[in-house]
């Protein structure tokens, strides 16, 4: 368990300091857009 947390922390530090490649930015925008559309639909239905 501690080993997994160590790798998680190292990955967060590395990912925080390096730039995202263009394909990763596009994928992130798609995922965030999809999640936002779902949350907006649920808010409208209330």
PDB file of N, CA and C in Angstrom:
ATOM      1  N   UNK A   1       0.828  -1.192   0.000  1.00  0.00           N
ATOM      2  CA  UNK A   1       0.000   0.000   0.000  1.00  0.00           C
ATOM      3  C   UNK A   1       0.869   1.251   0.000  1.00  0.00           C
ATOM      4  N   UNK A   2       1.858   1.265   0.841  1.00  0.00           N
ATOM      5  CA  UNK A   2       2.765   2.411   0.910  1.00  0.00           C
ATOM      6  C   UNK A   2       3.533   2.576  -0.402  1.00  0.00           C
ATOM      7  N   UNK A   3       3.861   1.467  -1.026  1.00  0.00           N
ATOM      8  CA  UNK A   3       4.568   1.472  -2.305  1.00  0.00           C
ATOM      9  C   UNK A   3       3.704   2.137  -3.385  1.00  0.00           C
ATOM     10  N   UNK A   4       2.417   1.820  -3.396  1.00  0.00           N
ATOM     11  CA  UNK A   4       1.492   2.417  -4.369  1.00  0.00           C
ATOM     12  C   UNK A   4       1.338   3.917  -4.121  1.00  0.00           C
ATOM     13  N   UNK A   5       1.261   4.323  -2.881  1.00  0.00           N
ATOM     14  CA  UNK A   5       1.150   5.750  -2.565  1.00  0.00           C
ATOM     15  C   UNK A   5       2.407   6.506  -2.983  1.00  0.00           C
ATOM     16  N   UNK A   6       3.565   5.882  -2.817  1.00  0.00           N
ATOM     17  CA  UNK A   6       4.815   6.504  -3.235  1.00  0.00           C
ATOM     18  C   UNK A   6       4.802   6.755  -4.738  1.00  0.00           C
ATOM     19  N   UNK A   7       4.394   5.748  -5.516  1.00  0.00           N
ATOM     20  CA  UNK A   7       4.338   5.915  -6.962  1.00  0.00           C
ATOM     21  C   UNK A   7       3.291   6.942  -7.364  1.00  0.00           C
ATOM     22  N   UNK A   8       2.199   7.010  -6.641  1.00  0.00           N
ATOM     23  CA  UNK A   8       1.168   8.014  -6.918  1.00  0.00           C
ATOM     24  C   UNK A   8       1.716   9.421  -6.711  1.00  0.00           C
ATOM     25  N   UNK A   9       2.419   9.634  -5.622  1.00  0.00           N
ATOM     26  CA  UNK A   9       2.997  10.952  -5.327  1.00  0.00           C
ATOM     27  C   UNK A   9       4.044  11.312  -6.377  1.00  0.00           C
ATOM     28  N   UNK A  10       4.902  10.378  -6.737  1.00  0.00           N
ATOM     29  CA  UNK A  10       5.924  10.644  -7.750  1.00  0.00           C
ATOM     30  C   UNK A  10       5.255  10.967  -9.088  1.00  0.00           C
ATOM     31  N   UNK A  11       4.217  10.248  -9.436  1.00  0.00           N
ATOM     32  CA  UNK A  11       3.504  10.507 -10.691  1.00  0.00           C
ATOM     33  C   UNK A  11       2.834  11.864 -10.705  1.00  0.00           C
ATOM     34  N   UNK A  12       2.277  12.261  -9.583  1.00  0.00           N
ATOM     35  CA  UNK A  12       1.651  13.586  -9.496  1.00  0.00           C
ATOM     36  C   UNK A  12       2.697  14.683  -9.671  1.00  0.00           C
ATOM     37  N   UNK A  13       3.839  14.523  -9.037  1.00  0.00           N
ATOM     38  CA  UNK A  13       4.900  15.532  -9.143  1.00  0.00           C
ATOM     39  C   UNK A  13       5.414  15.626 -10.577  1.00  0.00           C
ATOM     40  N   UNK A  14       5.651  14.487 -11.201  1.00  0.00           N
ATOM     41  CA  UNK A  14       6.143  14.494 -12.582  1.00  0.00           C
ATOM     42  C   UNK A  14       5.079  15.067 -13.517  1.00  0.00           C
ATOM     43  N   UNK A  15       3.855  14.632 -13.367  1.00  0.00           N
ATOM     44  CA  UNK A  15       2.776  15.114 -14.231  1.00  0.00           C
ATOM     45  C   UNK A  15       2.481  16.588 -14.039  1.00  0.00           C
ATOM     46  N   UNK A  16       2.697  17.090 -12.859  1.00  0.00           N
ATOM     47  CA  UNK A  16       2.433  18.499 -12.571  1.00  0.00           C
ATOM     48  C   UNK A  16       3.455  19.386 -13.272  1.00  0.00           C
ATOM     49  N   UNK A  17       4.696  18.936 -13.364  1.00  0.00           N
ATOM     50  CA  UNK A  17       5.775  19.776 -13.884  1.00  0.00           C
ATOM     51  C   UNK A  17       6.013  19.635 -15.384  1.00  0.00           C
ATOM     52  N   UNK A  18       5.549  18.581 -16.011  1.00  0.00           N
ATOM     53  CA  UNK A  18       5.752  18.405 -17.439  1.00  0.00           C
ATOM     54  C   UNK A  18       4.521  18.848 -18.195  1.00  0.00           C
ATOM     55  N   UNK A  19       4.736  19.354 -19.395  1.00  0.00           N
ATOM     56  CA  UNK A  19       3.610  19.760 -20.224  1.00  0.00           C
ATOM     57  C   UNK A  19       2.903  18.541 -20.795  1.00  0.00           C
ATOM     58  N   UNK A  20       1.614  18.702 -21.032  1.00  0.00           N
ATOM     59  CA  UNK A  20       0.850  17.627 -21.643  1.00  0.00           C
ATOM     60  C   UNK A  20       1.098  17.618 -23.142  1.00  0.00           C
ATOM     61  N   UNK A  21       1.196  16.427 -23.741  1.00  0.00           N
ATOM     62  CA  UNK A  21       1.260  16.375 -25.199  1.00  0.00           C
ATOM     63  C   UNK A  21      -0.103  16.775 -25.785  1.00  0.00           C
ATOM     64  N   UNK A  22      -0.134  17.202 -27.042  1.00  0.00           N
ATOM     65  CA  UNK A  22      -1.400  17.666 -27.639  1.00  0.00           C
ATOM     66  C   UNK A  22      -2.519  16.627 -27.593  1.00  0.00           C
ATOM     67  N   UNK A  23      -2.193  15.349 -27.796  1.00  0.00           N
ATOM     68  CA  UNK A  23      -3.241  14.330 -27.792  1.00  0.00           C
ATOM     69  C   UNK A  23      -3.838  14.175 -26.402  1.00  0.00           C
ATOM     70  N   UNK A  24      -3.035  14.387 -25.365  1.00  0.00           N
ATOM     71  CA  UNK A  24      -3.549  14.266 -23.999  1.00  0.00           C
ATOM     72  C   UNK A  24      -4.457  15.442 -23.664  1.00  0.00           C
ATOM     73  N   UNK A  25      -4.118  16.630 -24.168  1.00  0.00           N
ATOM     74  CA  UNK A  25      -4.977  17.799 -23.947  1.00  0.00           C
ATOM     75  C   UNK A  25      -6.326  17.615 -24.618  1.00  0.00           C
ATOM     76  N   UNK A  26      -6.307  17.104 -25.858  1.00  0.00           N
ATOM     77  CA  UNK A  26      -7.553  16.878 -26.587  1.00  0.00           C
ATOM     78  C   UNK A  26      -8.420  15.837 -25.878  1.00  0.00           C
ATOM     79  N   UNK A  27      -7.792  14.771 -25.402  1.00  0.00           N
ATOM     80  CA  UNK A  27      -8.533  13.734 -24.682  1.00  0.00           C
ATOM     81  C   UNK A  27      -9.118  14.298 -23.390  1.00  0.00           C
ATOM     82  N   UNK A  28      -8.351  15.104 -22.679  1.00  0.00           N
ATOM     83  CA  UNK A  28      -8.842  15.704 -21.440  1.00  0.00           C
ATOM     84  C   UNK A  28     -10.013  16.634 -21.718  1.00  0.00           C
ATOM     85  N   UNK A  29      -9.928  17.433 -22.778  1.00  0.00           N
ATOM     86  CA  UNK A  29     -11.027  18.335 -23.121  1.00  0.00           C
ATOM     87  C   UNK A  29     -12.294  17.554 -23.449  1.00  0.00           C
ATOM     88  N   UNK A  30     -12.137  16.442 -24.163  1.00  0.00           N
ATOM     89  CA  UNK A  30     -13.297  15.606 -24.497  1.00  0.00           C
ATOM     90  C   UNK A  30     -13.953  15.022 -23.250  1.00  0.00           C
ATOM     91  N   UNK A  31     -13.127  14.494 -22.359  1.00  0.00           N
ATOM     92  CA  UNK A  31     -13.655  13.874 -21.138  1.00  0.00           C
ATOM     93  C   UNK A  31     -14.321  14.925 -20.256  1.00  0.00           C
ATOM     94  N   UNK A  32     -13.671  16.068 -20.085  1.00  0.00           N
ATOM     95  CA  UNK A  32     -14.242  17.131 -19.253  1.00  0.00           C
ATOM     96  C   UNK A  32     -15.540  17.637 -19.865  1.00  0.00           C
ATOM     97  N   UNK A  33     -15.579  17.798 -21.180  1.00  0.00           N
ATOM     98  CA  UNK A  33     -16.801  18.236 -21.852  1.00  0.00           C
ATOM     99  C   UNK A  33     -17.939  17.250 -21.674  1.00  0.00           C
ATOM    100  N   UNK A  34     -17.636  15.960 -21.761  1.00  0.00           N
ATOM    101  CA  UNK A  34     -18.650  14.937 -21.575  1.00  0.00           C
ATOM    102  C   UNK A  34     -19.194  14.962 -20.162  1.00  0.00           C
ATOM    103  N   UNK A  35     -18.302  15.056 -19.183  1.00  0.00           N
ATOM    104  CA  UNK A  35     -18.737  15.088 -17.781  1.00  0.00           C
ATOM    105  C   UNK A  35     -19.570  16.338 -17.514  1.00  0.00           C
ATOM    106  N   UNK A  36     -19.150  17.464 -18.060  1.00  0.00           N
ATOM    107  CA  UNK A  36     -19.913  18.707 -17.864  1.00  0.00           C
ATOM    108  C   UNK A  36     -21.287  18.615 -18.491  1.00  0.00           C
ATOM    109  N   UNK A  37     -21.392  17.991 -19.652  1.00  0.00           N
ATOM    110  CA  UNK A  37     -22.703  17.874 -20.284  1.00  0.00           C
ATOM    111  C   UNK A  37     -23.621  16.986 -19.449  1.00  0.00           C
ATOM    112  N   UNK A  38     -23.078  15.935 -18.855  1.00  0.00           N
ATOM    113  CA  UNK A  38     -23.901  15.078 -17.991  1.00  0.00           C
ATOM    114  C   UNK A  38     -24.345  15.825 -16.742  1.00  0.00           C
ATOM    115  N   UNK A  39     -23.428  16.605 -16.153  1.00  0.00           N
ATOM    116  CA  UNK A  39     -23.802  17.322 -14.935  1.00  0.00           C
ATOM    117  C   UNK A  39     -24.802  18.427 -15.232  1.00  0.00           C
ATOM    118  N   UNK A  40     -24.686  19.062 -16.395  1.00  0.00           N
ATOM    119  CA  UNK A  40     -25.650  20.097 -16.760  1.00  0.00           C
ATOM    120  C   UNK A  40     -27.032  19.502 -16.990  1.00  0.00           C
ATOM    121  N   UNK A  41     -27.090  18.311 -17.576  1.00  0.00           N
ATOM    122  CA  UNK A  41     -28.382  17.657 -17.808  1.00  0.00           C
ATOM    123  C   UNK A  41     -29.047  17.291 -16.495  1.00  0.00           C
ATOM    124  N   UNK A  42     -28.266  16.837 -15.529  1.00  0.00           N
ATOM    125  CA  UNK A  42     -28.864  16.464 -14.244  1.00  0.00           C
ATOM    126  C   UNK A  42     -29.328  17.689 -13.481  1.00  0.00           C
ATOM    127  N   UNK A  43     -28.604  18.811 -13.616  1.00  0.00           N
ATOM    128  CA  UNK A  43     -29.021  20.044 -12.940  1.00  0.00           C
ATOM    129  C   UNK A  43     -30.299  20.598 -13.557  1.00  0.00           C
ATOM    130  N   UNK A  44     -30.468  20.444 -14.879  1.00  0.00           N
ATOM    131  CA  UNK A  44     -31.659  20.952 -15.549  1.00  0.00           C
ATOM    132  C   UNK A  44     -32.898  20.134 -15.200  1.00  0.00           C
ATOM    133  N   UNK A  45     -32.694  18.862 -14.886  1.00  0.00           N
ATOM    134  CA  UNK A  45     -33.824  17.979 -14.588  1.00  0.00           C
ATOM    135  C   UNK A  45     -34.361  18.172 -13.179  1.00  0.00           C
ATOM    136  N   UNK A  46     -33.703  18.936 -12.356  1.00  0.00           N
ATOM    137  CA  UNK A  46     -34.146  19.110 -10.967  1.00  0.00           C
ATOM    138  C   UNK A  46     -35.241  20.105 -10.848  1.00  0.00           C
TER     139      UNK A  46
END
